[in-house]
């Protein structure tokens, strides 16, 4: 049964890319998939912990926020790079989106000035009674 599944993936890969897939064992792919699930579950746990602490009984300090963000960024990076290993060239925009979001979070944490998009700002001359 396993051999049939592997052959099906090989045919599917060759049809889409015109080449045979790199020789990776099913056990290796499955291990990579389990690591992705573990990273995803840990991100969800971190988010649940942060949500519980928003209840007011915990005082958020800078160290907690920085630690939370760094752990989440690291785990999300593992997810992105792990997906690239499992499905090469399948999600080309994922890495650039991750890098953009990571950069924005790091800039916010470092205190550098970030500019809000101006599309939400109206010029005074454009305001009429309909907007009031």
N, C-alpha and C. Protein backbone atom coordinates (compact mmCIF):
# COMPACT_ATOMS: atom_id res chain seq x y z
N UNK A 1 0.82 -1.19 0.00
CA UNK A 1 0.00 0.00 0.00
C UNK A 1 0.87 1.26 0.00
N UNK A 2 1.90 1.27 0.85
CA UNK A 2 2.78 2.43 0.91
C UNK A 2 3.48 2.65 -0.41
N UNK A 3 3.91 1.59 -1.07
CA UNK A 3 4.58 1.71 -2.35
C UNK A 3 3.65 2.35 -3.39
N UNK A 4 2.38 2.00 -3.37
CA UNK A 4 1.42 2.59 -4.32
C UNK A 4 1.25 4.08 -4.07
N UNK A 5 1.23 4.46 -2.80
CA UNK A 5 1.10 5.89 -2.46
C UNK A 5 2.32 6.65 -2.94
N UNK A 6 3.50 6.10 -2.70
CA UNK A 6 4.73 6.77 -3.13
C UNK A 6 4.77 6.88 -4.65
N UNK A 7 4.39 5.83 -5.35
CA UNK A 7 4.36 5.88 -6.82
C UNK A 7 3.37 6.93 -7.31
N UNK A 8 2.23 7.04 -6.65
CA UNK A 8 1.25 8.04 -7.04
C UNK A 8 1.85 9.44 -6.91
N UNK A 9 2.57 9.70 -5.79
CA UNK A 9 3.20 11.00 -5.60
C UNK A 9 4.28 11.24 -6.66
N UNK A 10 5.04 10.22 -7.00
CA UNK A 10 6.07 10.38 -8.02
C UNK A 10 5.46 10.75 -9.37
N UNK A 11 4.39 10.06 -9.76
CA UNK A 11 3.73 10.39 -11.03
C UNK A 11 3.17 11.80 -11.00
N UNK A 12 2.55 12.14 -9.90
CA UNK A 12 1.96 13.48 -9.78
C UNK A 12 3.05 14.55 -9.86
N UNK A 13 4.17 14.32 -9.20
CA UNK A 13 5.29 15.26 -9.23
C UNK A 13 5.82 15.39 -10.65
N UNK A 14 6.04 14.30 -11.33
CA UNK A 14 6.60 14.33 -12.68
C UNK A 14 5.65 15.03 -13.64
N UNK A 15 4.35 14.84 -13.48
CA UNK A 15 3.38 15.50 -14.36
C UNK A 15 3.44 17.01 -14.21
N UNK A 16 3.60 17.49 -13.00
CA UNK A 16 3.56 18.93 -12.76
C UNK A 16 4.88 19.62 -13.06
N UNK A 17 5.97 18.97 -12.84
CA UNK A 17 7.25 19.65 -12.95
C UNK A 17 8.15 19.11 -14.06
N UNK A 18 7.76 18.04 -14.65
CA UNK A 18 8.54 17.48 -15.74
C UNK A 18 9.80 16.78 -15.29
N UNK A 19 9.93 16.54 -14.01
CA UNK A 19 11.12 15.87 -13.50
C UNK A 19 10.71 14.98 -12.34
N UNK A 20 11.55 14.04 -12.04
CA UNK A 20 11.23 13.17 -10.91
C UNK A 20 11.55 13.90 -9.61
N UNK A 21 10.85 13.58 -8.54
CA UNK A 21 11.08 14.27 -7.28
C UNK A 21 12.41 13.84 -6.67
N UNK A 22 12.92 14.67 -5.78
CA UNK A 22 14.13 14.25 -5.08
C UNK A 22 13.82 13.01 -4.26
N UNK A 23 14.80 12.16 -4.11
CA UNK A 23 14.59 10.90 -3.40
C UNK A 23 14.54 11.17 -1.89
N UNK A 24 13.34 11.20 -1.35
CA UNK A 24 13.14 11.38 0.08
C UNK A 24 12.26 10.25 0.56
N UNK A 25 12.59 9.72 1.68
CA UNK A 25 11.82 8.59 2.20
C UNK A 25 10.48 9.09 2.75
N UNK A 26 9.53 8.20 2.73
CA UNK A 26 8.23 8.52 3.29
C UNK A 26 8.36 8.83 4.78
N UNK A 27 9.22 8.08 5.46
CA UNK A 27 9.44 8.31 6.89
C UNK A 27 9.99 9.72 7.14
N UNK A 28 10.89 10.17 6.27
CA UNK A 28 11.44 11.52 6.39
C UNK A 28 10.39 12.59 6.17
N UNK A 29 9.56 12.38 5.16
CA UNK A 29 8.48 13.33 4.89
C UNK A 29 7.49 13.36 6.06
N UNK A 30 7.17 12.20 6.58
CA UNK A 30 6.22 12.13 7.68
C UNK A 30 6.79 12.79 8.93
N UNK A 31 8.08 12.61 9.17
CA UNK A 31 8.73 13.27 10.31
C UNK A 31 8.67 14.78 10.15
N UNK A 32 8.94 15.26 8.94
CA UNK A 32 8.86 16.70 8.68
C UNK A 32 7.44 17.21 8.92
N UNK A 33 6.45 16.46 8.49
CA UNK A 33 5.06 16.83 8.70
C UNK A 33 4.72 16.89 10.19
N UNK A 34 5.21 15.92 10.97
CA UNK A 34 4.97 15.92 12.41
C UNK A 34 5.61 17.14 13.07
N UNK A 35 6.78 17.54 12.59
CA UNK A 35 7.44 18.73 13.13
C UNK A 35 6.64 19.99 12.82
N UNK A 36 6.06 20.03 11.62
CA UNK A 36 5.19 21.17 11.27
C UNK A 36 3.99 21.23 12.20
N UNK A 37 3.37 20.09 12.44
CA UNK A 37 2.21 20.06 13.34
C UNK A 37 2.60 20.48 14.75
N UNK A 38 3.76 20.05 15.21
CA UNK A 38 4.21 20.41 16.56
C UNK A 38 4.44 21.92 16.66
N UNK A 39 5.06 22.52 15.65
CA UNK A 39 5.29 23.96 15.65
C UNK A 39 3.96 24.71 15.61
N UNK A 40 3.05 24.25 14.78
CA UNK A 40 1.73 24.88 14.69
C UNK A 40 0.99 24.79 16.03
N UNK A 41 1.02 23.62 16.65
CA UNK A 41 0.35 23.45 17.94
C UNK A 41 0.97 24.34 19.02
N UNK A 42 2.28 24.49 18.99
CA UNK A 42 2.94 25.35 19.98
C UNK A 42 2.54 26.81 19.78
N UNK A 43 2.42 27.25 18.52
CA UNK A 43 1.95 28.61 18.26
C UNK A 43 0.55 28.80 18.83
N UNK A 44 -0.32 27.83 18.60
CA UNK A 44 -1.67 27.92 19.13
C UNK A 44 -1.68 27.96 20.66
N UNK A 45 -0.80 27.19 21.29
CA UNK A 45 -0.69 27.20 22.75
C UNK A 45 -0.23 28.57 23.25
N UNK A 46 0.77 29.16 22.58
CA UNK A 46 1.25 30.48 22.96
C UNK A 46 0.14 31.53 22.84
N UNK A 47 -0.63 31.44 21.76
CA UNK A 47 -1.72 32.39 21.57
C UNK A 47 -2.79 32.21 22.65
N UNK A 48 -3.09 30.97 23.01
CA UNK A 48 -4.08 30.71 24.06
C UNK A 48 -3.58 31.25 25.41
N UNK A 49 -2.30 31.04 25.71
CA UNK A 49 -1.73 31.57 26.95
C UNK A 49 -1.82 33.09 26.99
N UNK A 50 -1.49 33.74 25.88
CA UNK A 50 -1.55 35.20 25.82
C UNK A 50 -2.99 35.67 25.99
N UNK A 51 -3.92 34.97 25.39
CA UNK A 51 -5.32 35.34 25.50
C UNK A 51 -5.81 35.21 26.95
N UNK A 52 -5.39 34.16 27.64
CA UNK A 52 -5.75 33.99 29.05
C UNK A 52 -5.18 35.12 29.90
N UNK A 53 -3.99 35.53 29.59
CA UNK A 53 -3.34 36.58 30.38
C UNK A 53 -3.95 37.95 30.11
N UNK A 54 -4.66 38.08 29.01
CA UNK A 54 -5.34 39.35 28.73
C UNK A 54 -6.53 39.56 29.66
N UNK A 55 -6.90 38.53 30.43
CA UNK A 55 -8.03 38.63 31.34
C UNK A 55 -7.84 39.65 32.44
N UNK A 56 -6.66 40.13 32.64
CA UNK A 56 -6.42 41.18 33.61
C UNK A 56 -5.67 40.76 34.85
N UNK A 57 -5.48 39.49 35.06
CA UNK A 57 -4.78 39.03 36.26
C UNK A 57 -3.26 39.02 36.07
N UNK A 58 -2.82 39.26 34.86
CA UNK A 58 -1.39 39.22 34.57
C UNK A 58 -0.99 40.57 33.99
N UNK A 59 0.10 41.11 34.47
CA UNK A 59 0.59 42.38 33.95
C UNK A 59 1.59 42.08 32.84
N UNK A 60 1.28 42.57 31.65
CA UNK A 60 2.18 42.38 30.52
C UNK A 60 3.36 43.33 30.68
N UNK A 61 4.54 42.80 30.68
CA UNK A 61 5.72 43.64 30.67
C UNK A 61 6.43 43.48 29.33
N UNK A 62 7.39 44.31 29.10
CA UNK A 62 8.09 44.30 27.81
C UNK A 62 8.77 42.95 27.56
N UNK A 63 9.33 42.37 28.59
CA UNK A 63 10.02 41.08 28.43
C UNK A 63 9.06 40.00 27.95
N UNK A 64 7.86 39.95 28.53
CA UNK A 64 6.88 38.94 28.12
C UNK A 64 6.51 39.13 26.64
N UNK A 65 6.25 40.36 26.25
CA UNK A 65 5.85 40.63 24.87
C UNK A 65 6.97 40.28 23.91
N UNK A 66 8.21 40.67 24.24
CA UNK A 66 9.34 40.34 23.37
C UNK A 66 9.55 38.83 23.27
N UNK A 67 9.44 38.14 24.40
CA UNK A 67 9.61 36.68 24.40
C UNK A 67 8.52 36.01 23.58
N UNK A 68 7.28 36.44 23.79
CA UNK A 68 6.15 35.89 23.04
C UNK A 68 6.35 36.09 21.54
N UNK A 69 6.70 37.30 21.15
CA UNK A 69 6.89 37.59 19.72
C UNK A 69 8.04 36.78 19.14
N UNK A 70 9.15 36.68 19.87
CA UNK A 70 10.30 35.94 19.35
C UNK A 70 9.98 34.46 19.20
N UNK A 71 9.31 33.88 20.19
CA UNK A 71 8.94 32.47 20.09
C UNK A 71 7.98 32.24 18.92
N UNK A 72 7.02 33.13 18.76
CA UNK A 72 6.05 32.98 17.68
C UNK A 72 6.72 33.14 16.33
N UNK A 73 7.62 34.10 16.20
CA UNK A 73 8.34 34.30 14.94
C UNK A 73 9.19 33.07 14.61
N UNK A 74 9.89 32.55 15.61
CA UNK A 74 10.72 31.36 15.38
C UNK A 74 9.89 30.17 14.92
N UNK A 75 8.77 29.95 15.59
CA UNK A 75 7.91 28.82 15.22
C UNK A 75 7.27 29.02 13.85
N UNK A 76 6.84 30.24 13.57
CA UNK A 76 6.26 30.51 12.25
C UNK A 76 7.31 30.33 11.16
N UNK A 77 8.55 30.72 11.44
CA UNK A 77 9.63 30.49 10.49
C UNK A 77 9.84 29.01 10.22
N UNK A 78 9.77 28.21 11.28
CA UNK A 78 9.87 26.76 11.09
C UNK A 78 8.75 26.25 10.20
N UNK A 79 7.55 26.78 10.40
CA UNK A 79 6.43 26.36 9.56
C UNK A 79 6.67 26.70 8.09
N UNK A 80 7.09 27.92 7.85
CA UNK A 80 7.31 28.36 6.47
C UNK A 80 8.39 27.53 5.80
N UNK A 81 9.52 27.38 6.46
CA UNK A 81 10.62 26.63 5.85
C UNK A 81 10.31 25.15 5.77
N UNK A 82 9.57 24.64 6.72
CA UNK A 82 9.15 23.24 6.66
C UNK A 82 8.20 22.97 5.51
N UNK A 83 7.29 23.91 5.26
CA UNK A 83 6.39 23.77 4.11
C UNK A 83 7.17 23.81 2.80
N UNK A 84 8.20 24.64 2.76
CA UNK A 84 9.03 24.69 1.55
C UNK A 84 9.74 23.36 1.32
N UNK A 85 10.13 22.70 2.41
CA UNK A 85 10.77 21.39 2.26
C UNK A 85 9.78 20.33 1.81
N UNK A 86 8.58 20.38 2.36
CA UNK A 86 7.57 19.38 1.98
C UNK A 86 7.03 19.60 0.58
N UNK A 87 6.84 20.85 0.21
CA UNK A 87 6.24 21.17 -1.09
C UNK A 87 7.04 22.30 -1.75
N UNK A 88 8.21 21.97 -2.33
CA UNK A 88 9.05 23.00 -2.94
C UNK A 88 8.31 23.76 -4.05
N UNK A 89 8.48 25.05 -4.06
CA UNK A 89 7.93 25.95 -5.09
C UNK A 89 6.40 25.94 -5.11
N UNK A 90 5.78 25.45 -4.08
CA UNK A 90 4.32 25.37 -4.06
C UNK A 90 3.70 26.66 -3.53
N UNK A 91 4.37 27.31 -2.59
CA UNK A 91 3.86 28.53 -1.97
C UNK A 91 4.91 29.64 -2.08
N UNK A 92 5.10 30.20 -3.26
CA UNK A 92 6.20 31.15 -3.46
C UNK A 92 6.07 32.44 -2.67
N UNK A 93 4.87 32.89 -2.38
CA UNK A 93 4.70 34.16 -1.68
C UNK A 93 4.78 34.02 -0.16
N UNK A 94 4.82 32.80 0.32
CA UNK A 94 4.78 32.57 1.76
C UNK A 94 6.01 33.12 2.47
N UNK A 95 7.18 32.88 1.93
CA UNK A 95 8.42 33.34 2.58
C UNK A 95 8.48 34.87 2.61
N UNK A 96 8.13 35.52 1.51
CA UNK A 96 8.19 36.99 1.49
C UNK A 96 7.16 37.58 2.45
N UNK A 97 5.98 36.97 2.56
CA UNK A 97 4.98 37.45 3.51
C UNK A 97 5.49 37.29 4.94
N UNK A 98 6.11 36.15 5.22
CA UNK A 98 6.66 35.91 6.55
C UNK A 98 7.74 36.94 6.88
N UNK A 99 8.65 37.19 5.94
CA UNK A 99 9.73 38.14 6.18
C UNK A 99 9.18 39.55 6.40
N UNK A 100 8.17 39.93 5.63
CA UNK A 100 7.57 41.26 5.78
C UNK A 100 6.94 41.41 7.17
N UNK A 101 6.18 40.41 7.59
CA UNK A 101 5.53 40.46 8.90
C UNK A 101 6.56 40.44 10.02
N UNK A 102 7.58 39.60 9.87
CA UNK A 102 8.64 39.53 10.88
C UNK A 102 9.33 40.88 11.04
N UNK A 103 9.63 41.52 9.91
CA UNK A 103 10.28 42.83 9.94
C UNK A 103 9.41 43.87 10.63
N UNK A 104 8.11 43.86 10.32
CA UNK A 104 7.20 44.82 10.94
C UNK A 104 7.14 44.62 12.46
N UNK A 105 7.09 43.38 12.90
CA UNK A 105 7.04 43.10 14.34
C UNK A 105 8.34 43.54 15.00
N UNK A 106 9.47 43.23 14.39
CA UNK A 106 10.76 43.61 14.98
C UNK A 106 10.92 45.12 15.02
N UNK A 107 10.45 45.83 13.99
CA UNK A 107 10.52 47.29 14.01
C UNK A 107 9.64 47.86 15.12
N UNK A 108 8.47 47.30 15.28
CA UNK A 108 7.57 47.77 16.33
C UNK A 108 8.18 47.54 17.71
N UNK A 109 8.79 46.38 17.92
CA UNK A 109 9.40 46.09 19.21
C UNK A 109 10.64 46.93 19.48
N UNK A 110 11.36 47.30 18.43
CA UNK A 110 12.58 48.08 18.62
C UNK A 110 12.27 49.56 18.86
N UNK A 111 11.03 49.96 18.61
CA UNK A 111 10.66 51.34 18.85
C UNK A 111 10.90 52.25 17.66
N UNK A 112 11.29 51.69 16.54
CA UNK A 112 11.47 52.53 15.36
C UNK A 112 10.12 53.02 14.88
N UNK A 113 10.13 54.18 14.29
CA UNK A 113 8.90 54.80 13.82
C UNK A 113 8.34 54.01 12.65
N UNK A 114 7.10 53.60 12.76
CA UNK A 114 6.42 52.95 11.64
C UNK A 114 5.29 53.85 11.20
N UNK A 115 5.11 53.97 9.91
CA UNK A 115 4.11 54.86 9.36
C UNK A 115 2.84 54.10 9.04
N UNK A 116 1.76 54.70 9.44
CA UNK A 116 0.45 54.12 9.15
C UNK A 116 0.12 54.44 7.70
N UNK A 117 -0.54 53.52 7.04
CA UNK A 117 -0.95 53.73 5.66
C UNK A 117 -1.81 54.99 5.57
N UNK A 118 -1.60 55.79 4.55
CA UNK A 118 -2.33 57.05 4.41
C UNK A 118 -3.68 56.88 3.74
N UNK A 119 -4.04 55.68 3.34
CA UNK A 119 -5.32 55.50 2.66
C UNK A 119 -6.51 55.73 3.59
N UNK A 120 -6.30 55.78 4.89
CA UNK A 120 -7.38 56.02 5.83
C UNK A 120 -7.49 57.50 6.21
N UNK A 121 -6.68 58.34 5.60
CA UNK A 121 -6.68 59.76 5.91
C UNK A 121 -7.31 60.52 4.75
N UNK A 122 -8.27 61.39 5.11
CA UNK A 122 -8.92 62.22 4.09
C UNK A 122 -8.37 63.64 4.19
N UNK A 123 -8.20 64.28 3.07
CA UNK A 123 -7.81 65.69 3.06
C UNK A 123 -9.00 66.52 3.52
N UNK A 124 -8.72 67.61 4.17
CA UNK A 124 -9.78 68.46 4.71
C UNK A 124 -10.75 68.89 3.62
N UNK A 125 -10.24 69.23 2.46
CA UNK A 125 -11.08 69.70 1.36
C UNK A 125 -12.05 68.62 0.87
N UNK A 126 -11.75 67.37 1.10
CA UNK A 126 -12.61 66.28 0.63
C UNK A 126 -13.75 65.97 1.59
N UNK A 127 -13.74 66.57 2.78
CA UNK A 127 -14.78 66.29 3.77
C UNK A 127 -16.01 67.14 3.47
N UNK A 128 -17.17 66.49 3.47
CA UNK A 128 -18.43 67.21 3.26
C UNK A 128 -19.39 66.84 4.38
N UNK A 129 -20.60 67.40 4.33
CA UNK A 129 -21.62 67.10 5.34
C UNK A 129 -21.96 65.61 5.36
N UNK A 130 -21.81 64.93 4.24
CA UNK A 130 -22.12 63.51 4.17
C UNK A 130 -21.19 62.68 5.06
N UNK A 131 -20.01 63.20 5.34
CA UNK A 131 -19.03 62.48 6.16
C UNK A 131 -19.21 62.75 7.65
N UNK A 132 -20.01 63.74 7.99
CA UNK A 132 -20.16 64.13 9.40
C UNK A 132 -21.29 63.38 10.04
